[in-house]
Amino acid sequence: MEVQGRIKMIDETKTYGNNGFRKREMVVTTEEQYPQHILVEFVQDKCDLLNSYNVGQMVKVSINLRGREWVNPQGETKYFNSIQGWRVENLEGAQGNENMPPVPPMEAFEPADDLNEEDHDDLPF
């Protein structure tokens, strides 16, 4: 699944427990008639995906929906959902390619002649 929108907030990476579990949250605001503020969490090595993004950028985030069941001390069963991100794509054009000239279409190139190796062997032996 994917969520597309503008980054509203990127939180710092937080570490939990003795095992060093890492989690980082980002809020993406959708651009539709009724914008939604979607909290997406990134865990472990995926936290680093957010390092190259800033508030205000348009992104597409690939997500997985996660759900879990929990029984509280009173015996009541509760259900929790989370949205976990695993990829982020910048939608504001390719960065770093501003100074690169455009590549001509394939039709602008002439096909290479089918050269025979024996006809063009420049080696003396």
PDB file of N, CA and C in Angstrom:
ATOM      1  N   MET A   1       0.843  -1.166   0.000  1.00  0.00           N
ATOM      2  CA  MET A   1       0.000   0.000   0.000  1.00  0.00           C
ATOM      3  C   MET A   1       0.890   1.230   0.000  1.00  0.00           C
ATOM      4  N   GLU A   2       0.301   2.358  -0.382  1.00  0.00           N
ATOM      5  CA  GLU A   2       1.067   3.596  -0.430  1.00  0.00           C
ATOM      6  C   GLU A   2       0.245   4.759   0.103  1.00  0.00           C
ATOM      7  N   VAL A   3       0.959   5.718   0.681  1.00  0.00           N
ATOM      8  CA  VAL A   3       0.369   6.978   1.133  1.00  0.00           C
ATOM      9  C   VAL A   3       1.138   8.081   0.431  1.00  0.00           C
ATOM     10  N   GLN A   4       0.407   9.027  -0.144  1.00  0.00           N
ATOM     11  CA  GLN A   4       1.057  10.114  -0.869  1.00  0.00           C
ATOM     12  C   GLN A   4       0.623  11.431  -0.259  1.00  0.00           C
ATOM     13  N   GLY A   5       1.577  12.331  -0.058  1.00  0.00           N
ATOM     14  CA  GLY A   5       1.246  13.633   0.502  1.00  0.00           C
ATOM     15  C   GLY A   5       2.480  14.427   0.849  1.00  0.00           C
ATOM     16  N   ARG A   6       2.284  15.486   1.623  1.00  0.00           N
ATOM     17  CA  ARG A   6       3.356  16.388   2.007  1.00  0.00           C
ATOM     18  C   ARG A   6       3.786  16.083   3.441  1.00  0.00           C
ATOM     19  N   ILE A   7       5.098  16.051   3.672  1.00  0.00           N
ATOM     20  CA  ILE A   7       5.609  15.767   5.013  1.00  0.00           C
ATOM     21  C   ILE A   7       5.254  16.921   5.935  1.00  0.00           C
ATOM     22  N   LYS A   8       4.551  16.611   7.004  1.00  0.00           N
ATOM     23  CA  LYS A   8       4.167  17.618   7.996  1.00  0.00           C
ATOM     24  C   LYS A   8       5.141  17.609   9.177  1.00  0.00           C
ATOM     25  N   MET A   9       5.645  16.421   9.542  1.00  0.00           N
ATOM     26  CA  MET A   9       6.518  16.310  10.708  1.00  0.00           C
ATOM     27  C   MET A   9       7.396  15.067  10.562  1.00  0.00           C
ATOM     28  N   ILE A  10       8.674  15.235  10.955  1.00  0.00           N
ATOM     29  CA  ILE A  10       9.588  14.094  11.062  1.00  0.00           C
ATOM     30  C   ILE A  10      10.176  14.156  12.461  1.00  0.00           C
ATOM     31  N   ASP A  11       9.953  13.105  13.228  1.00  0.00           N
ATOM     32  CA  ASP A  11      10.442  13.039  14.602  1.00  0.00           C
ATOM     33  C   ASP A  11      11.861  12.473  14.624  1.00  0.00           C
ATOM     34  N   GLU A  12      12.511  12.648  15.750  1.00  0.00           N
ATOM     35  CA  GLU A  12      13.840  12.080  15.954  1.00  0.00           C
ATOM     36  C   GLU A  12      13.722  10.568  16.171  1.00  0.00           C
ATOM     37  N   THR A  13      14.788   9.847  15.919  1.00  0.00           N
ATOM     38  CA  THR A  13      14.825   8.409  16.192  1.00  0.00           C
ATOM     39  C   THR A  13      14.880   8.199  17.694  1.00  0.00           C
ATOM     40  N   LYS A  14      14.029   7.314  18.196  1.00  0.00           N
ATOM     41  CA  LYS A  14      13.989   6.996  19.623  1.00  0.00           C
ATOM     42  C   LYS A  14      14.347   5.533  19.806  1.00  0.00           C
ATOM     43  N   THR A  15      15.088   5.252  20.873  1.00  0.00           N
ATOM     44  CA  THR A  15      15.516   3.891  21.178  1.00  0.00           C
ATOM     45  C   THR A  15      14.817   3.416  22.436  1.00  0.00           C
ATOM     46  N   TYR A  16      14.315   2.170  22.403  1.00  0.00           N
ATOM     47  CA  TYR A  16      13.556   1.611  23.518  1.00  0.00           C
ATOM     48  C   TYR A  16      14.169   0.288  23.966  1.00  0.00           C
ATOM     49  N   GLY A  17      14.111   0.039  25.263  1.00  0.00           N
ATOM     50  CA  GLY A  17      14.491  -1.266  25.822  1.00  0.00           C
ATOM     51  C   GLY A  17      15.974  -1.555  25.791  1.00  0.00           C
ATOM     52  N   ASN A  18      16.309  -2.709  26.348  1.00  0.00           N
ATOM     53  CA  ASN A  18      17.706  -3.133  26.444  1.00  0.00           C
ATOM     54  C   ASN A  18      18.260  -3.639  25.114  1.00  0.00           C
ATOM     55  N   ASN A  19      17.387  -4.039  24.214  1.00  0.00           N
ATOM     56  CA  ASN A  19      17.836  -4.574  22.929  1.00  0.00           C
ATOM     57  C   ASN A  19      18.102  -3.488  21.891  1.00  0.00           C
ATOM     58  N   GLY A  20      17.804  -2.226  22.226  1.00  0.00           N
ATOM     59  CA  GLY A  20      18.062  -1.122  21.297  1.00  0.00           C
ATOM     60  C   GLY A  20      17.065  -1.022  20.167  1.00  0.00           C
ATOM     61  N   PHE A  21      15.784  -1.346  20.427  1.00  0.00           N
ATOM     62  CA  PHE A  21      14.741  -1.209  19.410  1.00  0.00           C
ATOM     63  C   PHE A  21      14.613   0.260  19.030  1.00  0.00           C
ATOM     64  N   ARG A  22      14.706   0.559  17.724  1.00  0.00           N
ATOM     65  CA  ARG A  22      14.631   1.947  17.248  1.00  0.00           C
ATOM     66  C   ARG A  22      13.325   2.196  16.509  1.00  0.00           C
ATOM     67  N   LYS A  23      12.782   3.418  16.704  1.00  0.00           N
ATOM     68  CA  LYS A  23      11.531   3.798  16.050  1.00  0.00           C
ATOM     69  C   LYS A  23      11.584   5.289  15.731  1.00  0.00           C
ATOM     70  N   ARG A  24      11.071   5.648  14.556  1.00  0.00           N
ATOM     71  CA  ARG A  24      11.011   7.049  14.132  1.00  0.00           C
ATOM     72  C   ARG A  24       9.672   7.269  13.454  1.00  0.00           C
ATOM     73  N   GLU A  25       9.029   8.401  13.748  1.00  0.00           N
ATOM     74  CA  GLU A  25       7.701   8.676  13.204  1.00  0.00           C
ATOM     75  C   GLU A  25       7.726   9.870  12.249  1.00  0.00           C
ATOM     76  N   MET A  26       6.840   9.791  11.278  1.00  0.00           N
ATOM     77  CA  MET A  26       6.661  10.860  10.299  1.00  0.00           C
ATOM     78  C   MET A  26       5.163  11.035  10.077  1.00  0.00           C
ATOM     79  N   VAL A  27       4.735  12.280   9.908  1.00  0.00           N
ATOM     80  CA  VAL A  27       3.345  12.555   9.579  1.00  0.00           C
ATOM     81  C   VAL A  27       3.293  13.067   8.142  1.00  0.00           C
ATOM     82  N   VAL A  28       2.445  12.427   7.332  1.00  0.00           N
ATOM     83  CA  VAL A  28       2.233  12.823   5.939  1.00  0.00           C
ATOM     84  C   VAL A  28       0.806  13.336   5.833  1.00  0.00           C
ATOM     85  N   THR A  29       0.638  14.537   5.280  1.00  0.00           N
ATOM     86  CA  THR A  29      -0.690  15.116   5.079  1.00  0.00           C
ATOM     87  C   THR A  29      -1.088  14.910   3.627  1.00  0.00           C
ATOM     88  N   THR A  30      -2.189  14.205   3.416  1.00  0.00           N
ATOM     89  CA  THR A  30      -2.663  13.943   2.062  1.00  0.00           C
ATOM     90  C   THR A  30      -3.221  15.223   1.461  1.00  0.00           C
ATOM     91  N   GLU A  31      -3.198  15.297   0.135  1.00  0.00           N
ATOM     92  CA  GLU A  31      -3.737  16.467  -0.557  1.00  0.00           C
ATOM     93  C   GLU A  31      -4.990  16.040  -1.303  1.00  0.00           C
ATOM     94  N   GLU A  32      -6.111  16.136  -0.602  1.00  0.00           N
ATOM     95  CA  GLU A  32      -7.411  15.774  -1.157  1.00  0.00           C
ATOM     96  C   GLU A  32      -8.445  16.722  -0.574  1.00  0.00           C
ATOM     97  N   GLN A  33      -9.713  16.536  -0.884  1.00  0.00           N
ATOM     98  CA  GLN A  33     -10.748  17.446  -0.395  1.00  0.00           C
ATOM     99  C   GLN A  33     -10.730  17.534   1.126  1.00  0.00           C
ATOM    100  N   TYR A  34     -10.582  16.414   1.790  1.00  0.00           N
ATOM    101  CA  TYR A  34     -10.485  16.384   3.251  1.00  0.00           C
ATOM    102  C   TYR A  34      -9.131  15.797   3.628  1.00  0.00           C
ATOM    103  N   PRO A  35      -8.091  16.657   3.719  1.00  0.00           N
ATOM    104  CA  PRO A  35      -6.741  16.155   3.995  1.00  0.00           C
ATOM    105  C   PRO A  35      -6.681  15.350   5.290  1.00  0.00           C
ATOM    106  N   GLN A  36      -5.898  14.289   5.240  1.00  0.00           N
ATOM    107  CA  GLN A  36      -5.704  13.416   6.389  1.00  0.00           C
ATOM    108  C   GLN A  36      -4.250  13.511   6.843  1.00  0.00           C
ATOM    109  N   HIS A  37      -4.036  13.522   8.136  1.00  0.00           N
ATOM    110  CA  HIS A  37      -2.696  13.540   8.710  1.00  0.00           C
ATOM    111  C   HIS A  37      -2.386  12.106   9.136  1.00  0.00           C
ATOM    112  N   ILE A  38      -1.552  11.431   8.354  1.00  0.00           N
ATOM    113  CA  ILE A  38      -1.277  10.013   8.545  1.00  0.00           C
ATOM    114  C   ILE A  38       0.063   9.847   9.261  1.00  0.00           C
ATOM    115  N   LEU A  39       0.035   9.220  10.436  1.00  0.00           N
ATOM    116  CA  LEU A  39       1.246   8.923  11.181  1.00  0.00           C
ATOM    117  C   LEU A  39       1.820   7.605  10.674  1.00  0.00           C
ATOM    118  N   VAL A  40       3.058   7.645  10.198  1.00  0.00           N
ATOM    119  CA  VAL A  40       3.733   6.454   9.689  1.00  0.00           C
ATOM    120  C   VAL A  40       4.966   6.236  10.557  1.00  0.00           C
ATOM    121  N   GLU A  41       5.142   5.018  11.040  1.00  0.00           N
ATOM    122  CA  GLU A  41       6.316   4.729  11.865  1.00  0.00           C
ATOM    123  C   GLU A  41       7.310   3.891  11.073  1.00  0.00           C
ATOM    124  N   PHE A  42       8.574   4.170  11.299  1.00  0.00           N
ATOM    125  CA  PHE A  42       9.674   3.433  10.691  1.00  0.00           C
ATOM    126  C   PHE A  42      10.458   2.797  11.824  1.00  0.00           C
ATOM    127  N   VAL A  43      10.803   1.524  11.695  1.00  0.00           N
ATOM    128  CA  VAL A  43      11.477   0.825  12.788  1.00  0.00           C
ATOM    129  C   VAL A  43      12.825   0.276  12.327  1.00  0.00           C
ATOM    130  N   GLN A  44      13.718   0.119  13.317  1.00  0.00           N
ATOM    131  CA  GLN A  44      15.049  -0.448  13.149  1.00  0.00           C
ATOM    132  C   GLN A  44      15.822   0.268  12.033  1.00  0.00           C
ATOM    133  N   ASP A  45      16.334  -0.454  11.045  1.00  0.00           N
ATOM    134  CA  ASP A  45      17.165   0.168  10.014  1.00  0.00           C
ATOM    135  C   ASP A  45      16.376   1.088   9.084  1.00  0.00           C
ATOM    136  N   LYS A  46      15.058   0.985   9.054  1.00  0.00           N
ATOM    137  CA  LYS A  46      14.232   1.848   8.198  1.00  0.00           C
ATOM    138  C   LYS A  46      14.164   3.282   8.724  1.00  0.00           C
ATOM    139  N   CYS A  47      14.560   3.511   9.990  1.00  0.00           N
ATOM    140  CA  CYS A  47      14.585   4.872  10.549  1.00  0.00           C
ATOM    141  C   CYS A  47      15.473   5.784   9.716  1.00  0.00           C
ATOM    142  N   ASP A  48      16.551   5.236   9.184  1.00  0.00           N
ATOM    143  CA  ASP A  48      17.517   6.032   8.427  1.00  0.00           C
ATOM    144  C   ASP A  48      16.981   6.504   7.086  1.00  0.00           C
ATOM    145  N   LEU A  49      15.892   5.926   6.599  1.00  0.00           N
ATOM    146  CA  LEU A  49      15.302   6.357   5.333  1.00  0.00           C
ATOM    147  C   LEU A  49      14.865   7.817   5.379  1.00  0.00           C
ATOM    148  N   LEU A  50      14.545   8.311   6.561  1.00  0.00           N
ATOM    149  CA  LEU A  50      14.015   9.673   6.688  1.00  0.00           C
ATOM    150  C   LEU A  50      15.111  10.735   6.753  1.00  0.00           C
ATOM    151  N   ASN A  51      16.362  10.331   6.834  1.00  0.00           N
ATOM    152  CA  ASN A  51      17.460  11.292   6.984  1.00  0.00           C
ATOM    153  C   ASN A  51      17.549  12.290   5.841  1.00  0.00           C
ATOM    154  N   SER A  52      17.180  11.907   4.641  1.00  0.00           N
ATOM    155  CA  SER A  52      17.335  12.790   3.483  1.00  0.00           C
ATOM    156  C   SER A  52      16.055  13.547   3.128  1.00  0.00           C
ATOM    157  N   TYR A  53      15.074  13.552   4.016  1.00  0.00           N
ATOM    158  CA  TYR A  53      13.815  14.242   3.744  1.00  0.00           C
ATOM    159  C   TYR A  53      13.587  15.365   4.744  1.00  0.00           C
ATOM    160  N   ASN A  54      12.798  16.368   4.291  1.00  0.00           N
ATOM    161  CA  ASN A  54      12.506  17.533   5.118  1.00  0.00           C
ATOM    162  C   ASN A  54      11.018  17.818   5.133  1.00  0.00           C
ATOM    163  N   VAL A  55      10.591  18.546   6.160  1.00  0.00           N
ATOM    164  CA  VAL A  55       9.194  18.977   6.261  1.00  0.00           C
ATOM    165  C   VAL A  55       8.859  19.802   5.021  1.00  0.00           C
ATOM    166  N   GLY A  56       7.682  19.545   4.447  1.00  0.00           N
ATOM    167  CA  GLY A  56       7.215  20.279   3.279  1.00  0.00           C
ATOM    168  C   GLY A  56       7.391  19.555   1.967  1.00  0.00           C
ATOM    169  N   GLN A  57       8.194  18.501   1.928  1.00  0.00           N
ATOM    170  CA  GLN A  57       8.412  17.762   0.696  1.00  0.00           C
ATOM    171  C   GLN A  57       7.221  16.866   0.372  1.00  0.00           C
ATOM    172  N   MET A  58       6.939  16.732  -0.932  1.00  0.00           N
ATOM    173  CA  MET A  58       5.925  15.785  -1.397  1.00  0.00           C
ATOM    174  C   MET A  58       6.582  14.422  -1.535  1.00  0.00           C
ATOM    175  N   VAL A  59       5.952  13.402  -0.945  1.00  0.00           N
ATOM    176  CA  VAL A  59       6.525  12.058  -0.958  1.00  0.00           C
ATOM    177  C   VAL A  59       5.446  11.007  -1.200  1.00  0.00           C
ATOM    178  N   LYS A  60       5.920   9.843  -1.606  1.00  0.00           N
ATOM    179  CA  LYS A  60       5.080   8.650  -1.663  1.00  0.00           C
ATOM    180  C   LYS A  60       5.733   7.645  -0.727  1.00  0.00           C
ATOM    181  N   VAL A  61       4.978   7.156   0.262  1.00  0.00           N
ATOM    182  CA  VAL A  61       5.503   6.254   1.272  1.00  0.00           C
ATOM    183  C   VAL A  61       4.864   4.887   1.082  1.00  0.00           C
ATOM    184  N   SER A  62       5.702   3.876   0.919  1.00  0.00           N
ATOM    185  CA  SER A  62       5.213   2.494   0.851  1.00  0.00           C
ATOM    186  C   SER A  62       5.036   2.004   2.282  1.00  0.00           C
ATOM    187  N   ILE A  63       3.844   1.442   2.563  1.00  0.00           N
ATOM    188  CA  ILE A  63       3.506   1.092   3.941  1.00  0.00           C
ATOM    189  C   ILE A  63       2.971  -0.332   4.041  1.00  0.00           C
ATOM    190  N   ASN A  64       3.035  -0.848   5.254  1.00  0.00           N
ATOM    191  CA  ASN A  64       2.344  -2.079   5.631  1.00  0.00           C
ATOM    192  C   ASN A  64       1.444  -1.747   6.811  1.00  0.00           C
ATOM    193  N   LEU A  65       0.238  -2.287   6.804  1.00  0.00           N
ATOM    194  CA  LEU A  65      -0.655  -2.147   7.954  1.00  0.00           C
ATOM    195  C   LEU A  65      -0.364  -3.284   8.914  1.00  0.00           C
ATOM    196  N   ARG A  66      -0.199  -2.948  10.168  1.00  0.00           N
ATOM    197  CA  ARG A  66       0.086  -3.945  11.197  1.00  0.00           C
ATOM    198  C   ARG A  66      -1.018  -3.906  12.245  1.00  0.00           C
ATOM    199  N   GLY A  67      -1.383  -5.042  12.749  1.00  0.00           N
ATOM    200  CA  GLY A  67      -2.388  -5.123  13.803  1.00  0.00           C
ATOM    201  C   GLY A  67      -1.969  -6.148  14.837  1.00  0.00           C
ATOM    202  N   ARG A  68      -2.352  -5.874  16.079  1.00  0.00           N
ATOM    203  CA  ARG A  68      -2.032  -6.863  17.110  1.00  0.00           C
ATOM    204  C   ARG A  68      -3.133  -6.893  18.157  1.00  0.00           C
ATOM    205  N   GLU A  69      -3.177  -7.998  18.834  1.00  0.00           N
ATOM    206  CA  GLU A  69      -4.166  -8.235  19.872  1.00  0.00           C
ATOM    207  C   GLU A  69      -3.472  -8.195  21.228  1.00  0.00           C
ATOM    208  N   TRP A  70      -4.146  -7.616  22.218  1.00  0.00           N
ATOM    209  CA  TRP A  70      -3.588  -7.529  23.571  1.00  0.00           C
ATOM    210  C   TRP A  70      -4.712  -7.776  24.567  1.00  0.00           C
ATOM    211  N   VAL A  71      -4.449  -8.618  25.550  1.00  0.00           N
ATOM    212  CA  VAL A  71      -5.424  -8.887  26.608  1.00  0.00           C
ATOM    213  C   VAL A  71      -4.943  -8.148  27.855  1.00  0.00           C
ATOM    214  N   ASN A  72      -5.777  -7.212  28.339  1.00  0.00           N
ATOM    215  CA  ASN A  72      -5.372  -6.423  29.506  1.00  0.00           C
ATOM    216  C   ASN A  72      -5.527  -7.251  30.790  1.00  0.00           C
ATOM    217  N   PRO A  73      -5.033  -6.731  31.911  1.00  0.00           N
ATOM    218  CA  PRO A  73      -5.101  -7.493  33.170  1.00  0.00           C
ATOM    219  C   PRO A  73      -6.525  -7.860  33.605  1.00  0.00           C
ATOM    220  N   GLN A  74      -7.536  -7.128  33.130  1.00  0.00           N
ATOM    221  CA  GLN A  74      -8.925  -7.444  33.464  1.00  0.00           C
ATOM    222  C   GLN A  74      -9.513  -8.517  32.547  1.00  0.00           C
ATOM    223  N   GLY A  75      -8.707  -8.999  31.601  1.00  0.00           N
ATOM    224  CA  GLY A  75      -9.172 -10.053  30.702  1.00  0.00           C
ATOM    225  C   GLY A  75      -9.848  -9.545  29.447  1.00  0.00           C
ATOM    226  N   GLU A  76      -9.916  -8.231  29.235  1.00  0.00           N
ATOM    227  CA  GLU A  76     -10.534  -7.669  28.030  1.00  0.00           C
ATOM    228  C   GLU A  76      -9.525  -7.698  26.881  1.00  0.00           C
ATOM    229  N   THR A  77     -10.010  -8.081  25.718  1.00  0.00           N
ATOM    230  CA  THR A  77      -9.159  -8.121  24.540  1.00  0.00           C
ATOM    231  C   THR A  77      -9.241  -6.779  23.822  1.00  0.00           C
ATOM    232  N   LYS A  78      -8.063  -6.215  23.530  1.00  0.00           N
ATOM    233  CA  LYS A  78      -7.970  -4.939  22.807  1.00  0.00           C
ATOM    234  C   LYS A  78      -7.188  -5.176  21.527  1.00  0.00           C
ATOM    235  N   TYR A  79      -7.469  -4.361  20.503  1.00  0.00           N
ATOM    236  CA  TYR A  79      -6.785  -4.460  19.217  1.00  0.00           C
ATOM    237  C   TYR A  79      -6.143  -3.123  18.887  1.00  0.00           C
ATOM    238  N   PHE A  80      -4.928  -3.179  18.361  1.00  0.00           N
ATOM    239  CA  PHE A  80      -4.186  -1.980  17.994  1.00  0.00           C
ATOM    240  C   PHE A  80      -3.700  -2.100  16.557  1.00  0.00           C
ATOM    241  N   ASN A  81      -3.737  -0.988  15.846  1.00  0.00           N
ATOM    242  CA  ASN A  81      -3.248  -0.927  14.475  1.00  0.00           C
ATOM    243  C   ASN A  81      -2.086   0.046  14.391  1.00  0.00           C
ATOM    244  N   SER A  82      -1.176  -0.211  13.477  1.00  0.00           N
ATOM    245  CA  SER A  82      -0.101   0.734  13.207  1.00  0.00           C
ATOM    246  C   SER A  82       0.189   0.721  11.707  1.00  0.00           C
ATOM    247  N   ILE A  83       0.752   1.812  11.241  1.00  0.00           N
ATOM    248  CA  ILE A  83       1.147   1.948   9.847  1.00  0.00           C
ATOM    249  C   ILE A  83       2.668   2.004   9.832  1.00  0.00           C
ATOM    250  N   GLN A  84       3.270   1.028   9.174  1.00  0.00           N
ATOM    251  CA  GLN A  84       4.720   0.927   9.189  1.00  0.00           C
ATOM    252  C   GLN A  84       5.266   1.188   7.791  1.00  0.00           C
ATOM    253  N   GLY A  85       6.163   2.171   7.688  1.00  0.00           N
ATOM    254  CA  GLY A  85       6.762   2.520   6.402  1.00  0.00           C
ATOM    255  C   GLY A  85       7.996   1.699   6.122  1.00  0.00           C
ATOM    256  N   TRP A  86       8.244   1.432   4.838  1.00  0.00           N
ATOM    257  CA  TRP A  86       9.440   0.672   4.459  1.00  0.00           C
ATOM    258  C   TRP A  86      10.155   1.271   3.254  1.00  0.00           C
ATOM    259  N   ARG A  87       9.563   2.287   2.604  1.00  0.00           N
ATOM    260  CA  ARG A  87      10.227   2.990   1.495  1.00  0.00           C
ATOM    261  C   ARG A  87       9.624   4.381   1.370  1.00  0.00           C
ATOM    262  N   VAL A  88      10.462   5.367   1.012  1.00  0.00           N
ATOM    263  CA  VAL A  88       9.999   6.738   0.789  1.00  0.00           C
ATOM    264  C   VAL A  88      10.551   7.192  -0.552  1.00  0.00           C
ATOM    265  N   GLU A  89       9.662   7.787  -1.376  1.00  0.00           N
ATOM    266  CA  GLU A  89      10.080   8.312  -2.675  1.00  0.00           C
ATOM    267  C   GLU A  89       9.759   9.796  -2.739  1.00  0.00           C
ATOM    268  N   ASN A  90      10.700  10.581  -3.232  1.00  0.00           N
ATOM    269  CA  ASN A  90      10.496  12.009  -3.421  1.00  0.00           C
ATOM    270  C   ASN A  90       9.652  12.221  -4.674  1.00  0.00           C
ATOM    271  N   LEU A  91       8.593  13.012  -4.578  1.00  0.00           N
ATOM    272  CA  LEU A  91       7.728  13.262  -5.732  1.00  0.00           C
ATOM    273  C   LEU A  91       7.987  14.622  -6.363  1.00  0.00           C
ATOM    274  N   GLU A  92       8.993  15.327  -5.901  1.00  0.00           N
ATOM    275  CA  GLU A  92       9.271  16.672  -6.411  1.00  0.00           C
ATOM    276  C   GLU A  92      10.380  16.676  -7.446  1.00  0.00           C
ATOM    277  N   GLY A  93      10.511  15.625  -8.214  1.00  0.00           N
ATOM    278  CA  GLY A  93      11.532  15.547  -9.246  1.00  0.00           C
ATOM    279  C   GLY A  93      12.813  14.958  -8.706  1.00  0.00           C
ATOM    280  N   ALA A  94      13.638  14.524  -9.606  1.00  0.00           N
ATOM    281  CA  ALA A  94      14.907  13.903  -9.209  1.00  0.00           C
ATOM    282  C   ALA A  94      15.874  14.967  -8.727  1.00  0.00           C
ATOM    283  N   GLN A  95      16.381  14.804  -7.531  1.00  0.00           N
ATOM    284  CA  GLN A  95      17.344  15.749  -6.996  1.00  0.00           C
ATOM    285  C   GLN A  95      18.725  15.402  -7.494  1.00  0.00           C
ATOM    286  N   GLY A  96      19.536  16.434  -7.717  1.00  0.00           N
ATOM    287  CA  GLY A  96      20.895  16.226  -8.168  1.00  0.00           C
ATOM    288  C   GLY A  96      21.013  16.132  -9.680  1.00  0.00           C
ATOM    289  N   ASN A  97      19.906  16.128 -10.412  1.00  0.00           N
ATOM    290  CA  ASN A  97      19.938  16.041 -11.866  1.00  0.00           C
ATOM    291  C   ASN A  97      19.599  17.363 -12.536  1.00  0.00           C
ATOM    292  N   GLU A  98      19.563  18.460 -11.774  1.00  0.00           N
ATOM    293  CA  GLU A  98      19.169  19.745 -12.346  1.00  0.00           C
ATOM    294  C   GLU A  98      20.150  20.207 -13.414  1.00  0.00           C
ATOM    295  N   ASN A  99      21.439  19.899 -13.261  1.00  0.00           N
ATOM    296  CA  ASN A  99      22.460  20.377 -14.179  1.00  0.00           C
ATOM    297  C   ASN A  99      22.773  19.392 -15.294  1.00  0.00           C
ATOM    298  N   MET A 100      22.078  18.283 -15.327  1.00  0.00           N
ATOM    299  CA  MET A 100      22.319  17.278 -16.360  1.00  0.00           C
ATOM    300  C   MET A 100      21.505  17.631 -17.607  1.00  0.00           C
ATOM    301  N   PRO A 101      22.122  17.537 -18.808  1.00  0.00           N
ATOM    302  CA  PRO A 101      21.344  17.812 -20.025  1.00  0.00           C
ATOM    303  C   PRO A 101      20.338  16.695 -20.262  1.00  0.00           C
ATOM    304  N   PRO A 102      19.235  17.015 -20.938  1.00  0.00           N
ATOM    305  CA  PRO A 102      18.243  15.968 -21.203  1.00  0.00           C
ATOM    306  C   PRO A 102      18.796  14.939 -22.182  1.00  0.00           C
ATOM    307  N   VAL A 103      18.367  13.707 -22.039  1.00  0.00           N
ATOM    308  CA  VAL A 103      18.797  12.630 -22.930  1.00  0.00           C
ATOM    309  C   VAL A 103      17.882  12.630 -24.149  1.00  0.00           C
ATOM    310  N   PRO A 104      18.467  12.655 -25.372  1.00  0.00           N
ATOM    311  CA  PRO A 104      17.623  12.643 -26.569  1.00  0.00           C
ATOM    312  C   PRO A 104      16.847  11.334 -26.668  1.00  0.00           C
ATOM    313  N   PRO A 105      15.719  11.352 -27.378  1.00  0.00           N
ATOM    314  CA  PRO A 105      14.955  10.110 -27.526  1.00  0.00           C
ATOM    315  C   PRO A 105      15.745   9.091 -28.328  1.00  0.00           C
ATOM    316  N   MET A 106      15.392   7.833 -28.195  1.00  0.00           N
ATOM    317  CA  MET A 106      16.122   6.743 -28.832  1.00  0.00           C
ATOM    318  C   MET A 106      16.125   6.876 -30.358  1.00  0.00           C
ATOM    319  N   GLU A 107      15.087   7.488 -30.916  1.00  0.00           N
ATOM    320  CA  GLU A 107      14.992   7.632 -32.367  1.00  0.00           C
ATOM    321  C   GLU A 107      16.071   8.567 -32.917  1.00  0.00           C
ATOM    322  N   ALA A 108      16.675   9.396 -32.081  1.00  0.00           N
ATOM    323  CA  ALA A 108      17.697  10.342 -32.522  1.00  0.00           C
ATOM    324  C   ALA A 108      19.035   9.656 -32.781  1.00  0.00           C
ATOM    325  N   PHE A 109      19.197   8.435 -32.349  1.00  0.00           N
ATOM    326  CA  PHE A 109      20.455   7.718 -32.528  1.00  0.00           C
ATOM    327  C   PHE A 109      20.368   6.808 -33.740  1.00  0.00           C
ATOM    328  N   GLU A 110      21.492   6.725 -34.488  1.00  0.00           N
ATOM    329  CA  GLU A 110      21.557   5.816 -35.629  1.00  0.00           C
ATOM    330  C   GLU A 110      21.921   4.426 -35.132  1.00  0.00           C
ATOM    331  N   PRO A 111      21.378   3.396 -35.749  1.00  0.00           N
ATOM    332  CA  PRO A 111      21.746   2.042 -35.315  1.00  0.00           C
ATOM    333  C   PRO A 111      23.198   1.755 -35.680  1.00  0.00           C
ATOM    334  N   ALA A 112      23.867   0.989 -34.846  1.00  0.00           N
ATOM    335  CA  ALA A 112      25.251   0.604 -35.111  1.00  0.00           C
ATOM    336  C   ALA A 112      25.284  -0.423 -36.221  1.00  0.00           C
ATOM    337  N   ASP A 113      26.318  -0.312 -37.076  1.00  0.00           N
ATOM    338  CA  ASP A 113      26.482  -1.318 -38.132  1.00  0.00           C
ATOM    339  C   ASP A 113      26.860  -2.636 -37.492  1.00  0.00           C
ATOM    340  N   ASP A 114      26.423  -3.709 -38.102  1.00  0.00           N
ATOM    341  CA  ASP A 114      26.764  -5.037 -37.587  1.00  0.00           C
ATOM    342  C   ASP A 114      28.152  -5.385 -38.087  1.00  0.00           C
ATOM    343  N   LEU A 115      29.166  -5.064 -37.295  1.00  0.00           N
ATOM    344  CA  LEU A 115      30.548  -5.257 -37.713  1.00  0.00           C
ATOM    345  C   LEU A 115      30.978  -6.701 -37.508  1.00  0.00           C
ATOM    346  N   ASN A 116      31.747  -7.189 -38.474  1.00  0.00           N
ATOM    347  CA  ASN A 116      32.313  -8.523 -38.369  1.00  0.00           C
ATOM    348  C   ASN A 116      33.694  -8.386 -37.741  1.00  0.00           C
ATOM    349  N   GLU A 117      34.010  -9.161 -36.746  1.00  0.00           N
ATOM    350  CA  GLU A 117      35.264  -9.056 -36.013  1.00  0.00           C
ATOM    351  C   GLU A 117      36.467  -9.286 -36.913  1.00  0.00           C
ATOM    352  N   GLU A 118      36.350 -10.184 -37.855  1.00  0.00           N
ATOM    353  CA  GLU A 118      37.485 -10.515 -38.715  1.00  0.00           C
ATOM    354  C   GLU A 118      37.823  -9.369 -39.666  1.00  0.00           C
ATOM    355  N   ASP A 119      36.847  -8.593 -40.083  1.00  0.00           N
ATOM    356  CA  ASP A 119      37.074  -7.500 -41.024  1.00  0.00           C
ATOM    357  C   ASP A 119      37.793  -6.324 -40.379  1.00  0.00           C
ATOM    358  N   HIS A 120      37.701  -6.140 -39.077  1.00  0.00           N
ATOM    359  CA  HIS A 120      38.248  -4.955 -38.415  1.00  0.00           C
ATOM    360  C   HIS A 120      39.210  -5.324 -37.303  1.00  0.00           C
ATOM    361  N   ASP A 121      40.024  -6.344 -37.528  1.00  0.00           N
ATOM    362  CA  ASP A 121      40.967  -6.772 -36.504  1.00  0.00           C
ATOM    363  C   ASP A 121      42.257  -5.976 -36.684  1.00  0.00           C
ATOM    364  N   ASP A 122      42.545  -5.071 -35.734  1.00  0.00           N
ATOM    365  CA  ASP A 122      43.733  -4.239 -35.810  1.00  0.00           C
ATOM    366  C   ASP A 122      44.929  -4.887 -35.129  1.00  0.00           C
ATOM    367  N   LEU A 123      44.767  -6.018 -34.525  1.00  0.00           N
ATOM    368  CA  LEU A 123      45.857  -6.644 -33.804  1.00  0.00           C
ATOM    369  C   LEU A 123      46.842  -7.265 -34.784  1.00  0.00           C
ATOM    370  N   PRO A 124      48.170  -7.126 -34.504  1.00  0.00           N
ATOM    371  CA  PRO A 124      49.178  -7.660 -35.433  1.00  0.00           C
ATOM    372  C   PRO A 124      49.384  -9.160 -35.361  1.00  0.00           C
ATOM    373  N   PHE A 125      48.755  -9.850 -34.496  1.00  0.00           N
ATOM    374  CA  PHE A 125      48.967 -11.290 -34.365  1.00  0.00           C
ATOM    375  C   PHE A 125      47.670 -12.045 -34.437  1.00  0.00           C
TER     376      PHE A 125
END
